[in-house]
């Protein structure tokens, strides 16, 4: 498991963007101006060398007759008078090796740490280098460093730098039109040109493409650094959240809960690589580059603002990964495409699903709606429920709030109905208190065969501290996507482990972000590809495979999991 919040992994990835910005056509060959010769490097051709110095192949043949039979690595080719200085006079690159320090590299290259940091702006301190990085070295117009030890600094491998050409983007060009006819895929193009992924193609700017003039061009392959694969079953996961703005520790709690789910999955034998980034609107550009350069991504979780959600969705589609929106309940997902899952269901879809479950649960009950008090608004759920009741041919009636104030009112409204469920049309605390108090007052007057209960909203779980007694006596039920029952054994195990690992409790927000992170990981880290079976976590019911109402558009799925929570007369709580 790897945590990457601007650490070495991010720097290693940003390296490739810097490389794309720094290097130009030409290999790391060193031209010696005294004898006007060029030392042949691996992968070079006469055409390539001629292009580098601005001379023709015929000129090279004239001064180097043996070259007609081929050239060898290390061979010295005489250059014609007037030949250009070559790309190597302007720049060189060095592949950092294990044990290197910026000081040792600077000493061997005949320069200073300060100059190396100025040439490589991604280095924020001398300690920022890591094995595998490629850094830019100062060029030497004479081909010879002022330091006698400079030749010990070996340039980066030829297949990492050679074989690339610059092309100016013309008006109307697309990524497809640029790579068409080359050996590159669109993914290869974005790896060499990550700035295009962020801001799109711009006419007049230069982009990198493979040089088709070079036989067996190694740069036509993807040369982005890759880590050893641990097997086909490895799951590469990105978690991207705005940690920089996390004043209330919501995202830190979510991350800690998610880490616990990773641990559980690893105990079950899953091979998981986790990459963690901060991604508010300001940090998103650098985070996009980092994620786009990861060798493999199977799952991206994160995004809070509309902008970051859309950008992470585009990245997931580009990487052919699944994308999960963990927090937002806005209908932004309807504008996305690809394999997108939204945990926090938009209200319209949640109400439809809750209404369908209501009819299944209370099919034999008469439904009484108590209309809002003056100044209160009717919940959109009531409209959805009434529509479902009409379609099902179920019995329901309405009364004004002033007609449901006492036990006598309850008895009168329930006449002729053995079973009645009362639904306040407002989700407010005041409406809940009125309905529950009236039902509680009527308990003594109801016959043994009569049942009057109440049904409410997700907010009711926050009212339990003040209305708990009435909720138990009325056996009240409410619908919700998230619910934690402290006596539940699964939650108690999670809470104890969380305290042990992180030294603090799971929080008291609604929902609890620690449990949300744990449940999200529990579902998606164990999820079989192509399967959307329901998953009951310690707080969440995740179900993306139900009725068509949960599919928003173009494959985007929103969570249809809805709990019904019932407070029973024996002071227990049922979650079903």
Protein backbone atom coordinates (compact mmCIF):
# COMPACT_ATOMS: atom_id res chain seq x y z
CA UNK A 1 0.00 0.00 0.00
CA UNK A 2 1.40 3.41 -0.92
CA UNK A 3 0.37 6.80 0.36
CA UNK A 4 1.25 9.62 -1.97
CA UNK A 5 0.41 13.17 -0.90
CA UNK A 6 3.01 15.20 -2.78
CA UNK A 7 5.77 12.76 -1.75
CA UNK A 8 8.30 10.86 -3.77
CA UNK A 9 5.80 9.05 -5.96
CA UNK A 10 4.18 12.32 -7.07
CA UNK A 11 7.61 13.78 -7.78
CA UNK A 12 8.55 10.68 -9.74
CA UNK A 13 5.41 11.10 -11.85
CA UNK A 14 5.81 14.86 -12.27
CA UNK A 15 9.26 14.09 -13.64
CA UNK A 16 7.74 12.85 -16.87
CA UNK A 17 5.87 16.08 -17.38
CA UNK A 18 9.06 18.01 -16.76
CA UNK A 19 10.89 15.76 -19.18
CA UNK A 20 8.31 16.50 -21.88
CA UNK A 21 8.81 20.21 -21.29
CA UNK A 22 12.61 20.08 -21.26
CA UNK A 23 13.87 17.78 -23.96
CA UNK A 24 13.97 18.39 -27.73
CA UNK A 25 14.92 16.42 -30.81
CA UNK A 26 18.30 14.81 -30.58
CA UNK A 27 20.10 12.26 -28.48
CA UNK A 28 22.66 12.81 -25.78
CA UNK A 29 25.61 12.64 -28.13
CA UNK A 30 28.56 14.88 -27.26
CA UNK A 31 30.10 16.89 -30.11
CA UNK A 32 33.76 17.78 -29.65
CA UNK A 33 34.43 21.06 -31.39
CA UNK A 34 38.23 20.56 -31.54
CA UNK A 35 38.00 17.78 -34.15
CA UNK A 36 34.40 18.40 -35.22
CA UNK A 37 33.36 14.81 -34.60
CA UNK A 38 30.24 13.14 -33.34
CA UNK A 39 30.33 10.02 -31.14
CA UNK A 40 27.60 7.59 -32.25
CA UNK A 41 25.05 6.79 -29.53
CA UNK A 42 22.73 3.78 -29.18
CA UNK A 43 19.73 3.97 -31.52
CA UNK A 44 21.13 6.70 -33.80
CA UNK A 45 21.08 6.63 -37.60
CA UNK A 46 22.97 8.72 -40.15
CA UNK A 47 19.77 10.47 -41.06
CA UNK A 48 19.18 11.31 -37.42
CA UNK A 49 22.72 12.57 -36.91
CA UNK A 50 22.56 14.66 -40.08
CA UNK A 51 19.26 16.17 -38.96
CA UNK A 52 20.80 16.94 -35.56
CA UNK A 53 23.67 18.94 -37.06
CA UNK A 54 21.89 20.33 -40.10
CA UNK A 55 23.88 18.40 -42.67
CA UNK A 56 22.97 15.78 -45.30
CA UNK A 57 23.65 12.04 -45.23
CA UNK A 58 25.69 12.51 -48.43
CA UNK A 59 27.97 14.96 -46.57
CA UNK A 60 28.51 12.37 -43.83
CA UNK A 61 29.22 9.63 -46.39
CA UNK A 62 31.75 11.91 -48.12
CA UNK A 63 33.75 12.47 -44.94
CA UNK A 64 33.15 8.97 -43.48
CA UNK A 65 33.22 6.44 -46.38
CA UNK A 66 33.03 3.42 -44.03
CA UNK A 67 29.65 4.65 -42.80
CA UNK A 68 28.11 3.30 -46.04
CA UNK A 69 28.51 -0.19 -44.50
CA UNK A 70 26.84 0.93 -41.27
CA UNK A 71 27.77 2.74 -38.07
CA UNK A 72 28.54 1.38 -34.61
CA UNK A 73 27.94 2.73 -31.11
CA UNK A 74 31.05 4.66 -30.01
CA UNK A 75 32.26 5.29 -33.56
CA UNK A 76 33.56 8.84 -34.22
CA UNK A 77 32.09 10.52 -37.29
CA UNK A 78 33.78 13.56 -38.82
CA UNK A 79 31.38 16.44 -39.35
CA UNK A 80 31.54 18.81 -42.32
CA UNK A 81 32.59 22.41 -41.82
CA UNK A 82 29.70 24.63 -40.83
CA UNK A 83 27.80 21.83 -39.07
CA UNK A 84 25.58 22.96 -36.24
CA UNK A 85 26.60 22.41 -32.64
CA UNK A 86 24.05 19.64 -32.11
CA UNK A 87 21.36 19.24 -29.51
CA UNK A 88 23.81 18.01 -26.92
CA UNK A 89 25.40 21.43 -26.68
CA UNK A 90 22.15 22.75 -25.25
CA UNK A 91 21.04 20.02 -22.86
CA UNK A 92 21.72 16.65 -21.35
CA UNK A 93 19.78 14.38 -19.02
CA UNK A 94 20.84 12.08 -16.23
CA UNK A 95 18.97 9.06 -14.86
CA UNK A 96 19.33 9.14 -11.06
CA UNK A 97 20.73 5.94 -9.60
CA UNK A 98 20.37 4.42 -6.15
CA UNK A 99 22.74 6.16 -3.75
CA UNK A 100 23.00 9.37 -5.76
CA UNK A 101 22.63 12.72 -4.06
CA UNK A 102 22.11 16.04 -5.78
CA UNK A 103 25.49 17.11 -4.41
CA UNK A 104 27.30 14.08 -5.88
CA UNK A 105 25.63 14.57 -9.26
CA UNK A 106 26.50 18.28 -9.28
CA UNK A 107 30.11 17.55 -8.32
CA UNK A 108 30.57 15.00 -11.09
CA UNK A 109 28.82 17.24 -13.64
CA UNK A 110 30.97 20.24 -12.77
CA UNK A 111 28.09 22.38 -11.56
CA UNK A 112 26.35 23.34 -8.31
CA UNK A 113 23.29 22.07 -6.45
CA UNK A 114 21.73 25.52 -6.88
CA UNK A 115 22.10 25.36 -10.67
CA UNK A 116 20.62 21.84 -10.84
CA UNK A 117 17.61 22.93 -8.79
CA UNK A 118 17.15 25.95 -11.08
CA UNK A 119 17.21 23.67 -14.15
CA UNK A 120 14.78 21.20 -12.56
CA UNK A 121 12.03 23.32 -11.04
CA UNK A 122 10.16 20.26 -9.70
CA UNK A 123 12.98 19.79 -7.16
CA UNK A 124 11.90 21.78 -4.11
CA UNK A 125 14.85 20.71 -1.95
CA UNK A 126 18.15 18.84 -2.49
CA UNK A 127 16.55 15.76 -0.91
CA UNK A 128 13.78 15.51 -3.50
CA UNK A 129 15.56 13.15 -5.91
CA UNK A 130 14.85 9.43 -6.10
CA UNK A 131 16.21 6.52 -8.10
CA UNK A 132 14.64 6.44 -11.55
CA UNK A 133 14.19 10.19 -11.91
CA UNK A 134 15.60 11.89 -14.99
CA UNK A 135 17.01 15.35 -14.32
CA UNK A 136 18.35 17.96 -16.68
CA UNK A 137 22.06 18.80 -16.60
CA UNK A 138 23.61 22.06 -17.79
CA UNK A 139 24.82 21.94 -21.40
CA UNK A 140 28.46 22.31 -22.41
CA UNK A 141 29.16 24.14 -25.65
CA UNK A 142 32.60 22.63 -25.88
CA UNK A 143 31.34 19.13 -25.21
CA UNK A 144 33.77 18.97 -22.27
CA UNK A 145 32.83 19.87 -18.70
CA UNK A 146 34.92 22.12 -16.55
CA UNK A 147 35.08 19.22 -14.11
CA UNK A 148 37.50 16.35 -14.90
CA UNK A 149 34.95 13.95 -13.39
CA UNK A 150 32.00 15.14 -15.48
CA UNK A 151 32.24 12.27 -17.98
CA UNK A 152 31.33 9.86 -15.20
CA UNK A 153 27.77 11.21 -15.32
CA UNK A 154 26.02 8.90 -17.74
CA UNK A 155 23.11 10.30 -19.76
CA UNK A 156 19.70 8.72 -19.51
CA UNK A 157 19.08 5.63 -21.60
CA UNK A 158 18.73 6.41 -25.30
CA UNK A 159 15.34 4.73 -25.54
CA UNK A 160 14.02 7.18 -22.95
CA UNK A 161 15.07 10.32 -24.83
CA UNK A 162 15.61 9.53 -28.50
CA UNK A 163 12.99 9.07 -31.15
CA UNK A 164 10.78 12.07 -30.40
CA UNK A 165 10.00 14.99 -32.67
CA UNK A 166 8.15 18.24 -32.07
CA UNK A 167 5.15 19.12 -34.20
CA UNK A 168 3.17 22.34 -34.28
CA UNK A 169 -0.57 21.80 -33.84
CA UNK A 170 -2.60 23.12 -36.77
CA UNK A 171 -6.13 24.47 -36.55
CA UNK A 172 -8.74 21.73 -36.41
CA UNK A 173 -6.26 19.02 -35.34
CA UNK A 174 -7.35 16.34 -32.88
CA UNK A 175 -5.38 13.86 -30.82
CA UNK A 176 -6.67 11.11 -33.10
CA UNK A 177 -5.53 12.94 -36.25
CA UNK A 178 -2.08 13.55 -34.72
CA UNK A 179 -1.42 9.92 -33.76
CA UNK A 180 -3.07 8.42 -36.85
CA UNK A 181 -0.38 6.74 -38.92
CA UNK A 182 2.09 6.59 -36.02
CA UNK A 183 2.77 3.69 -33.67
CA UNK A 184 1.27 5.63 -30.77
CA UNK A 185 -2.14 5.20 -29.22
CA UNK A 186 -3.99 8.18 -27.77
CA UNK A 187 -2.85 7.01 -24.32
CA UNK A 188 0.81 7.16 -25.44
CA UNK A 189 0.21 10.69 -26.72
CA UNK A 190 -1.20 11.85 -23.39
CA UNK A 191 1.70 10.32 -21.49
CA UNK A 192 4.17 12.45 -23.45
CA UNK A 193 1.85 15.47 -23.56
CA UNK A 194 0.01 15.58 -20.19
CA UNK A 195 -0.74 19.30 -20.60
CA UNK A 196 -3.15 18.43 -23.42
CA UNK A 197 -5.18 16.21 -21.08
CA UNK A 198 -5.69 19.20 -18.81
CA UNK A 199 -6.38 22.08 -21.21
CA UNK A 200 -6.95 20.46 -24.60
CA UNK A 201 -5.14 20.95 -27.92
CA UNK A 202 -4.26 24.50 -28.87
CA UNK A 203 -3.44 25.56 -32.40
CA UNK A 204 0.13 26.84 -32.67
CA UNK A 205 1.55 24.99 -29.68
CA UNK A 206 4.14 22.23 -29.99
CA UNK A 207 3.49 18.62 -29.01
CA UNK A 208 5.68 15.51 -28.98
CA UNK A 209 5.18 12.69 -31.49
CA UNK A 210 7.32 9.65 -32.40
CA UNK A 211 9.91 10.27 -35.12
CA UNK A 212 8.90 8.01 -38.01
CA UNK A 213 12.27 8.48 -39.72
CA UNK A 214 14.05 6.24 -37.21
CA UNK A 215 13.92 2.47 -37.90
CA UNK A 216 12.85 0.37 -34.89
CA UNK A 217 12.08 3.54 -32.97
CA UNK A 218 11.95 2.59 -29.30
CA UNK A 219 10.03 5.76 -28.48
CA UNK A 220 7.07 4.39 -30.41
CA UNK A 221 6.52 2.23 -27.36
CA UNK A 222 5.27 3.54 -24.05
CA UNK A 223 8.40 4.40 -22.05
CA UNK A 224 6.73 5.83 -18.96
CA UNK A 225 8.27 4.33 -15.85
CA UNK A 226 6.35 1.28 -14.62
CA UNK A 227 6.54 -0.67 -11.41
CA UNK A 228 6.74 -4.45 -11.41
CA UNK A 229 3.33 -6.03 -11.69
CA UNK A 230 2.29 -8.19 -8.77
CA UNK A 231 -0.05 -10.22 -10.90
CA UNK A 232 -3.22 -9.94 -12.93
CA UNK A 233 -5.27 -9.74 -9.76
CA UNK A 234 -3.67 -6.47 -8.58
CA UNK A 235 -6.14 -3.63 -8.00
CA UNK A 236 -4.69 -0.15 -8.53
CA UNK A 237 -6.75 2.39 -6.59
CA UNK A 238 -6.59 6.21 -6.54
CA UNK A 239 -8.16 8.17 -3.66
CA UNK A 240 -8.34 11.91 -4.41
CA UNK A 241 -9.89 14.26 -1.83
CA UNK A 242 -9.39 17.94 -0.86
CA UNK A 243 -7.23 17.24 2.19
CA UNK A 244 -5.74 20.76 2.09
CA UNK A 245 -9.16 22.22 2.92
CA UNK A 246 -10.09 19.56 5.50
CA UNK A 247 -10.59 21.80 8.55
CA UNK A 248 -13.25 19.52 10.03
CA UNK A 249 -11.32 16.28 9.36
CA UNK A 250 -14.17 14.84 7.29
CA UNK A 251 -11.89 13.65 4.51
CA UNK A 252 -9.18 12.47 6.91
CA UNK A 253 -11.80 10.33 8.68
CA UNK A 254 -13.02 8.97 5.34
CA UNK A 255 -9.43 8.13 4.36
CA UNK A 256 -8.76 6.35 7.66
CA UNK A 257 -11.94 4.28 7.29
CA UNK A 258 -10.97 3.44 3.72
CA UNK A 259 -7.52 2.31 4.90
CA UNK A 260 -9.21 -0.15 7.25
CA UNK A 261 -11.14 -1.62 4.32
CA UNK A 262 -7.88 -1.96 2.39
CA UNK A 263 -6.42 -3.86 5.33
CA UNK A 264 -9.46 -6.17 5.42
CA UNK A 265 -9.19 -6.82 1.68
CA UNK A 266 -5.47 -7.59 1.96
CA UNK A 267 -6.19 -10.04 4.78
CA UNK A 268 -8.57 -11.77 2.39
CA UNK A 269 -5.79 -12.13 -0.19
CA UNK A 270 -6.48 -9.12 -2.44
CA UNK A 271 -3.42 -7.42 -3.95
CA UNK A 272 -4.03 -3.65 -3.77
CA UNK A 273 -1.89 -0.63 -4.63
CA UNK A 274 -3.30 2.60 -3.14
CA UNK A 275 -2.33 6.07 -4.38
CA UNK A 276 -3.62 9.08 -2.41
CA UNK A 277 -3.72 12.66 -3.70
CA UNK A 278 -5.11 15.99 -2.56
CA UNK A 279 -7.44 17.47 -5.16
CA UNK A 280 -9.24 20.71 -4.48
CA UNK A 281 -9.81 23.04 -7.43
CA UNK A 282 -6.37 24.65 -7.00
CA UNK A 283 -4.42 21.38 -6.73
CA UNK A 284 -6.37 19.56 -9.43
CA UNK A 285 -4.06 20.41 -12.39
CA UNK A 286 -0.98 18.78 -10.82
CA UNK A 287 -3.06 15.89 -9.46
CA UNK A 288 -4.46 15.21 -12.96
CA UNK A 289 -0.94 15.00 -14.38
CA UNK A 290 0.13 12.65 -11.58
CA UNK A 291 -2.83 10.31 -12.05
CA UNK A 292 -2.62 10.36 -15.85
CA UNK A 293 1.00 9.16 -15.63
CA UNK A 294 0.28 6.22 -13.32
CA UNK A 295 0.98 3.01 -15.27
CA UNK A 296 -2.29 1.34 -14.25
CA UNK A 297 -5.49 2.59 -12.64
CA UNK A 298 -8.50 0.37 -11.98
CA UNK A 299 -10.51 2.52 -9.56
CA UNK A 300 -10.66 6.26 -8.82
CA UNK A 301 -12.57 7.46 -5.76
CA UNK A 302 -12.99 11.13 -4.91
CA UNK A 303 -13.92 14.60 -5.99
CA UNK A 304 -16.20 16.98 -4.08
CA UNK A 305 -16.75 20.08 -6.22
CA UNK A 306 -18.50 19.86 -9.59
CA UNK A 307 -15.22 20.76 -11.32
CA UNK A 308 -13.09 18.07 -9.64
CA UNK A 309 -15.82 15.45 -10.16
CA UNK A 310 -15.93 16.13 -13.88
CA UNK A 311 -12.15 16.12 -14.24
CA UNK A 312 -11.71 12.88 -12.28
CA UNK A 313 -14.47 11.32 -14.39
CA UNK A 314 -12.59 12.26 -17.56
CA UNK A 315 -9.40 10.79 -16.11
CA UNK A 316 -11.18 7.56 -15.23
CA UNK A 317 -12.59 7.28 -18.74
CA UNK A 318 -9.13 7.93 -20.21
CA UNK A 319 -7.56 5.30 -17.92
CA UNK A 320 -10.51 2.90 -18.51
CA UNK A 321 -11.10 2.83 -14.77
CA UNK A 322 -14.20 2.79 -12.58
CA UNK A 323 -15.00 6.15 -10.98
CA UNK A 324 -16.79 6.54 -7.62
CA UNK A 325 -18.30 9.83 -6.37
CA UNK A 326 -18.40 9.38 -2.57
CA UNK A 327 -19.96 12.62 -1.26
CA UNK A 328 -21.89 14.78 -3.69
CA UNK A 329 -25.63 14.19 -3.95
CA UNK A 330 -26.01 16.62 -6.85
CA UNK A 331 -27.13 15.36 -10.23
CA UNK A 332 -23.73 16.14 -11.73
CA UNK A 333 -23.41 12.45 -12.58
CA UNK A 334 -26.08 12.86 -15.25
CA UNK A 335 -23.57 14.84 -17.33
CA UNK A 336 -20.83 12.20 -17.04
CA UNK A 337 -20.15 9.05 -18.99
CA UNK A 338 -18.23 5.85 -18.38
CA UNK A 339 -18.32 3.50 -15.40
CA UNK A 340 -19.44 6.00 -12.76
CA UNK A 341 -20.97 5.15 -9.38
CA UNK A 342 -22.54 7.77 -7.11
CA UNK A 343 -22.72 6.79 -3.43
CA UNK A 344 -24.85 9.67 -2.09
CA UNK A 345 -28.02 9.33 -4.14
CA UNK A 346 -29.66 12.44 -5.65
CA UNK A 347 -32.89 13.15 -3.80
CA UNK A 348 -35.23 12.40 -6.72
CA UNK A 349 -33.91 8.85 -7.13
CA UNK A 350 -33.83 8.25 -3.38
CA UNK A 351 -37.47 9.28 -2.98
CA UNK A 352 -38.66 6.98 -5.77
CA UNK A 353 -36.82 4.03 -4.26
CA UNK A 354 -38.08 4.80 -0.73
CA UNK A 355 -41.67 5.10 -2.02
CA UNK A 356 -41.40 1.72 -3.72
CA UNK A 357 -40.09 0.13 -0.51
CA UNK A 358 -42.87 1.85 1.47
CA UNK A 359 -45.59 0.20 -0.64
CA UNK A 360 -43.94 -3.20 -0.22
CA UNK A 361 -43.81 -2.72 3.56
CA UNK A 362 -47.19 -1.05 4.20
CA UNK A 363 -49.30 -2.58 1.44
CA UNK A 364 -52.09 -3.54 3.88
CA UNK A 365 -52.09 -0.21 5.77
CA UNK A 366 -54.20 2.88 5.27
CA UNK A 367 -51.88 5.85 4.76
CA UNK A 368 -52.69 9.19 6.40
CA UNK A 369 -50.75 12.29 5.35
CA UNK A 370 -50.70 15.11 7.92
CA UNK A 371 -50.27 18.30 5.89
CA UNK A 372 -47.60 20.82 6.93
CA UNK A 373 -48.12 23.42 9.60
CA UNK A 374 -48.18 27.07 8.52
CA UNK A 375 -44.71 28.13 7.36
CA UNK A 376 -43.52 24.59 6.62
CA UNK A 377 -42.98 23.09 3.17
CA UNK A 378 -44.20 19.73 1.94
CA UNK A 379 -41.39 17.24 1.37
CA UNK A 380 -40.85 16.16 -2.27
CA UNK A 381 -40.96 12.59 -0.95
CA UNK A 382 -44.71 13.00 -0.24
CA UNK A 383 -45.41 13.75 -3.89
CA UNK A 384 -43.40 10.71 -5.00
CA UNK A 385 -45.19 8.51 -2.44
CA UNK A 386 -48.67 9.72 -3.42
CA UNK A 387 -47.92 8.98 -7.08
CA UNK A 388 -46.84 5.44 -6.21
CA UNK A 389 -49.90 4.89 -4.02
CA UNK A 390 -52.22 6.00 -6.82
CA UNK A 391 -50.48 3.69 -9.31
CA UNK A 392 -50.77 0.79 -6.85
CA UNK A 393 -54.42 1.53 -6.04
CA UNK A 394 -53.58 1.85 -2.35
CA UNK A 395 -55.78 3.65 0.19
CA UNK A 396 -54.65 7.01 1.54
CA UNK A 397 -56.16 10.22 2.89
CA UNK A 398 -55.01 13.62 4.12
CA UNK A 399 -55.75 15.92 7.03
CA UNK A 400 -54.58 19.34 8.13
CA UNK A 401 -52.14 19.53 11.02
CA UNK A 402 -54.76 20.97 13.39
CA UNK A 403 -56.82 17.77 12.99
CA UNK A 404 -54.01 15.57 14.31
CA UNK A 405 -53.06 17.08 17.65
CA UNK A 406 -54.39 14.65 20.30
CA UNK A 407 -55.21 11.05 21.04
CA UNK A 408 -58.86 11.71 20.18
CA UNK A 409 -57.80 13.00 16.76
CA UNK A 410 -55.80 9.81 16.18
CA UNK A 411 -58.77 7.59 17.13
CA UNK A 412 -61.09 9.56 14.85
CA UNK A 413 -58.72 9.43 11.86
CA UNK A 414 -58.17 5.69 12.30
CA UNK A 415 -61.85 4.74 12.39
CA UNK A 416 -62.59 1.99 9.90
CA UNK A 417 -58.89 1.09 9.51
CA UNK A 418 -57.32 -1.74 11.49
CA UNK A 419 -53.88 -0.59 10.43
CA UNK A 420 -52.83 2.97 9.73
CA UNK A 421 -49.43 4.54 9.05
CA UNK A 422 -49.18 8.29 9.57
CA UNK A 423 -46.79 10.29 7.39
CA UNK A 424 -46.14 13.95 8.28
CA UNK A 425 -45.81 15.89 5.03
CA UNK A 426 -42.88 17.88 6.45
CA UNK A 427 -39.56 16.45 7.62
CA UNK A 428 -39.16 19.06 10.37
CA UNK A 429 -38.63 18.30 14.06
CA UNK A 430 -41.87 20.16 14.88
CA UNK A 431 -43.92 17.98 12.50
CA UNK A 432 -42.32 14.79 13.86
CA UNK A 433 -42.98 15.83 17.46
CA UNK A 434 -46.64 16.59 16.74
CA UNK A 435 -47.37 13.28 14.99
CA UNK A 436 -45.45 11.10 17.47
CA UNK A 437 -46.93 12.86 20.53
CA UNK A 438 -50.47 12.41 19.21
CA UNK A 439 -49.92 8.69 18.52
CA UNK A 440 -48.33 8.26 21.95
CA UNK A 441 -51.39 9.88 23.58
CA UNK A 442 -53.70 7.50 21.73
CA UNK A 443 -51.97 4.29 22.81
CA UNK A 444 -54.35 3.70 25.77
CA UNK A 445 -57.48 4.18 23.63
CA UNK A 446 -56.51 1.91 20.74
CA UNK A 447 -57.94 -1.61 20.64
CA UNK A 448 -55.63 -4.61 20.70
CA UNK A 449 -56.33 -5.27 17.05
CA UNK A 450 -55.69 -1.64 16.00
CA UNK A 451 -52.24 -0.51 14.86
CA UNK A 452 -51.26 3.12 14.35
CA UNK A 453 -47.64 3.81 13.55
CA UNK A 454 -45.59 6.63 11.99
CA UNK A 455 -43.25 6.87 9.05
CA UNK A 456 -40.67 9.60 8.57
CA UNK A 457 -37.49 10.88 6.98
CA UNK A 458 -33.69 10.48 7.26
CA UNK A 459 -33.64 13.49 9.61
CA UNK A 460 -35.55 11.46 12.18
CA UNK A 461 -32.41 9.66 13.30
CA UNK A 462 -31.12 13.04 14.51
CA UNK A 463 -34.35 13.57 16.50
CA UNK A 464 -33.96 10.35 18.51
CA UNK A 465 -32.27 12.11 21.42
CA UNK A 466 -35.40 14.20 22.09
CA UNK A 467 -38.16 11.99 20.61
CA UNK A 468 -36.75 8.54 21.32
CA UNK A 469 -39.43 7.49 23.83
CA UNK A 470 -42.28 8.36 21.47
CA UNK A 471 -40.51 6.70 18.53
CA UNK A 472 -40.22 3.42 20.46
CA UNK A 473 -43.85 3.51 21.68
CA UNK A 474 -45.20 4.25 18.18
CA UNK A 475 -42.80 1.75 16.55
CA UNK A 476 -41.89 4.56 14.18
CA UNK A 477 -40.00 3.82 10.98
CA UNK A 478 -37.98 6.13 8.72
CA UNK A 479 -36.03 5.71 5.49
CA UNK A 480 -32.37 6.62 5.07
CA UNK A 481 -29.29 5.78 3.03
CA UNK A 482 -26.97 5.90 6.05
CA UNK A 483 -27.63 4.64 9.56
CA UNK A 484 -25.45 3.48 12.43
CA UNK A 485 -26.92 1.47 15.29
CA UNK A 486 -24.37 1.61 18.15
CA UNK A 487 -25.43 -1.82 19.48
CA UNK A 488 -24.80 -3.50 16.13
CA UNK A 489 -21.95 -6.01 16.50
CA UNK A 490 -20.38 -5.17 13.11
CA UNK A 491 -20.25 -1.48 13.99
CA UNK A 492 -18.84 -2.22 17.44
CA UNK A 493 -15.97 -4.23 15.89
CA UNK A 494 -15.29 -1.46 13.39
CA UNK A 495 -15.36 1.21 16.10
CA UNK A 496 -12.98 -0.72 18.36
CA UNK A 497 -10.51 -1.38 15.52
CA UNK A 498 -10.71 2.24 14.37
CA UNK A 499 -9.90 3.49 17.87
CA UNK A 500 -7.01 1.04 18.12
CA UNK A 501 -5.50 2.09 14.78
CA UNK A 502 -6.03 5.86 14.86
CA UNK A 503 -6.45 6.76 18.53
CA UNK A 504 -9.78 8.56 18.22
CA UNK A 505 -13.45 7.78 17.73
CA UNK A 506 -15.39 7.36 14.51
CA UNK A 507 -16.95 10.84 14.78
CA UNK A 508 -20.50 12.02 15.29
CA UNK A 509 -21.40 13.57 11.93
CA UNK A 510 -24.24 12.41 9.72
CA UNK A 511 -23.17 10.36 7.93
CA UNK A 512 -20.04 9.29 9.79
CA UNK A 513 -17.28 9.77 7.26
CA UNK A 514 -15.05 7.12 8.78
CA UNK A 515 -17.76 4.49 8.29
CA UNK A 516 -18.54 5.82 4.81
CA UNK A 517 -14.91 5.30 3.78
CA UNK A 518 -14.95 1.82 5.28
CA UNK A 519 -18.17 0.83 3.52
CA UNK A 520 -17.06 2.27 0.17
CA UNK A 521 -13.89 0.22 0.32
CA UNK A 522 -15.79 -2.83 1.53
CA UNK A 523 -17.95 -2.74 -1.59
CA UNK A 524 -15.58 -1.66 -4.36
CA UNK A 525 -12.42 -3.47 -3.21
CA UNK A 526 -14.31 -6.78 -3.12
CA UNK A 527 -16.59 -6.10 -6.08
CA UNK A 528 -16.43 -8.62 -8.89
CA UNK A 529 -16.08 -7.01 -12.29
CA UNK A 530 -19.47 -6.67 -13.95
CA UNK A 531 -21.39 -7.48 -10.75
CA UNK A 532 -23.50 -4.92 -8.88
CA UNK A 533 -24.93 -7.03 -6.06
CA UNK A 534 -26.09 -5.22 -2.93
CA UNK A 535 -23.71 -4.72 0.00
CA UNK A 536 -24.72 -3.98 3.60
CA UNK A 537 -21.96 -2.14 5.45
CA UNK A 538 -21.69 -0.85 9.00
CA UNK A 539 -23.51 2.34 7.97
CA UNK A 540 -24.49 2.12 4.30
CA UNK A 541 -26.59 -0.04 2.02
CA UNK A 542 -24.91 0.05 -1.40
CA UNK A 543 -27.04 -1.27 -4.23
CA UNK A 544 -26.37 -0.33 -7.85
CA UNK A 545 -28.09 -3.27 -9.50
CA UNK A 546 -31.77 -2.66 -8.81
CA UNK A 547 -34.45 -1.09 -10.96
CA UNK A 548 -33.73 1.08 -13.97
CA UNK A 549 -34.56 4.19 -11.96
CA UNK A 550 -31.09 4.02 -10.45
CA UNK A 551 -29.31 4.37 -13.77
CA UNK A 552 -28.98 8.04 -14.54
CA UNK A 553 -27.49 8.05 -18.06
CA UNK A 554 -24.81 6.47 -20.23
CA UNK A 555 -23.88 3.79 -17.70
CA UNK A 556 -23.74 6.15 -14.70
CA UNK A 557 -25.24 4.45 -11.65
CA UNK A 558 -26.52 5.99 -8.46
CA UNK A 559 -26.88 4.08 -5.21
CA UNK A 560 -30.41 2.72 -4.75
CA UNK A 561 -29.75 1.27 -1.32
CA UNK A 562 -32.39 2.51 1.13
CA UNK A 563 -32.61 1.35 4.75
CA UNK A 564 -35.87 1.26 6.66
CA UNK A 565 -35.06 1.78 10.35
CA UNK A 566 -37.72 0.81 12.90
CA UNK A 567 -37.73 1.66 16.61
CA UNK A 568 -39.39 -1.31 18.34
CA UNK A 569 -41.46 -1.28 21.55
CA UNK A 570 -38.86 -3.49 23.27
CA UNK A 571 -36.33 -0.63 22.85
CA UNK A 572 -34.44 -2.41 20.10
CA UNK A 573 -33.81 -1.05 16.59
CA UNK A 574 -34.29 -2.99 13.36
CA UNK A 575 -32.51 -2.01 10.15
CA UNK A 576 -33.92 -3.70 7.05
